[in-house]
Amino acid sequence: MGEERTVKDITLTYDDGTTEVIEKGLVTRFTERDGENVTAEFDMVSIDGKDLYMVVMAMLRLGERMGFFKG
């Protein structure tokens, strides 16, 4: 494998052609393998432990609000 690269920023391109550069954030990429298994890969820009904790807690709260954890 090649040298490890560091993500500098994340660029969003909107349907009207405008762009926005995100200097602190997280991108999750889902890749389907063999029609059944899915791999998640993460690219993070300027994220530290406190930020990652906040992301995880926010996703858990979202899951609760959407009813994923009932039963």
Protein backbone atom coordinates (compact mmCIF):
# COMPACT_ATOMS: atom_id res chain seq x y z
CA MET A 1 0.00 0.00 0.00
CA GLY A 2 1.15 3.56 -0.68
CA GLU A 3 1.95 6.39 1.66
CA GLU A 4 -0.87 7.44 4.03
CA ARG A 5 -2.62 10.60 2.84
CA THR A 6 -4.31 13.25 4.98
CA VAL A 7 -7.60 14.81 3.90
CA LYS A 8 -7.23 18.60 3.72
CA ASP A 9 -10.87 19.58 3.25
CA ILE A 10 -14.21 18.33 1.98
CA THR A 11 -15.85 20.09 -0.97
CA LEU A 12 -19.62 19.93 -1.43
CA THR A 13 -20.97 20.61 -4.91
CA TYR A 14 -24.65 21.55 -5.06
CA ASP A 15 -27.02 20.91 -7.95
CA ASP A 16 -26.96 24.61 -8.87
CA GLY A 17 -23.19 24.41 -9.41
CA THR A 18 -22.16 26.26 -6.26
CA THR A 19 -19.62 24.73 -3.91
CA GLU A 20 -18.83 24.89 -0.21
CA VAL A 21 -15.53 23.87 1.38
CA ILE A 22 -15.86 22.13 4.74
CA GLU A 23 -12.73 22.45 6.86
CA LYS A 24 -14.02 20.36 9.79
CA GLY A 25 -16.28 17.39 9.24
CA LEU A 26 -16.80 13.73 8.45
CA VAL A 27 -17.70 11.86 5.26
CA THR A 28 -18.91 8.27 5.33
CA ARG A 29 -18.63 6.13 2.21
CA PHE A 30 -20.63 2.89 1.92
CA THR A 31 -19.44 0.22 -0.51
CA GLU A 32 -21.57 -2.86 -1.17
CA ARG A 33 -19.58 -6.08 -1.39
CA ASP A 34 -20.94 -9.21 -3.09
CA GLY A 35 -24.54 -7.95 -2.91
CA GLU A 36 -24.82 -8.66 0.80
CA ASN A 37 -22.04 -7.11 2.88
CA VAL A 38 -21.49 -3.37 3.16
CA THR A 39 -18.21 -1.72 4.12
CA ALA A 40 -18.17 1.76 5.69
CA GLU A 41 -15.13 3.99 5.23
CA PHE A 42 -14.64 7.34 6.92
CA ASP A 43 -12.72 10.45 5.90
CA MET A 44 -12.30 13.01 8.67
CA VAL A 45 -11.04 16.57 8.50
CA SER A 46 -9.86 18.27 11.71
CA ILE A 47 -11.83 15.86 13.90
CA ASP A 48 -10.56 15.09 17.39
CA GLY A 49 -11.81 12.73 20.08
CA LYS A 50 -14.36 15.19 21.48
CA ASP A 51 -15.82 15.77 18.00
CA LEU A 52 -15.99 12.04 17.26
CA TYR A 53 -17.79 11.47 20.58
CA MET A 54 -20.32 14.16 19.59
CA VAL A 55 -20.88 12.48 16.18
CA VAL A 56 -21.49 9.07 17.78
CA MET A 57 -23.89 10.49 20.39
CA ALA A 58 -25.79 12.46 17.72
CA MET A 59 -26.20 9.32 15.58
CA LEU A 60 -27.47 7.36 18.60
CA ARG A 61 -29.99 10.12 19.36
CA LEU A 62 -31.10 10.13 15.70
CA GLY A 63 -31.54 6.35 15.81
CA GLU A 64 -33.66 6.65 18.95
CA ARG A 65 -35.85 9.36 17.40
CA MET A 66 -36.33 7.24 14.28
CA GLY A 67 -37.36 4.24 16.40
CA PHE A 68 -34.45 1.97 15.49
CA PHE A 69 -33.83 0.86 19.09
CA LYS A 70 -37.35 -0.06 20.22
CA GLY A 71 -37.92 -3.56 21.49
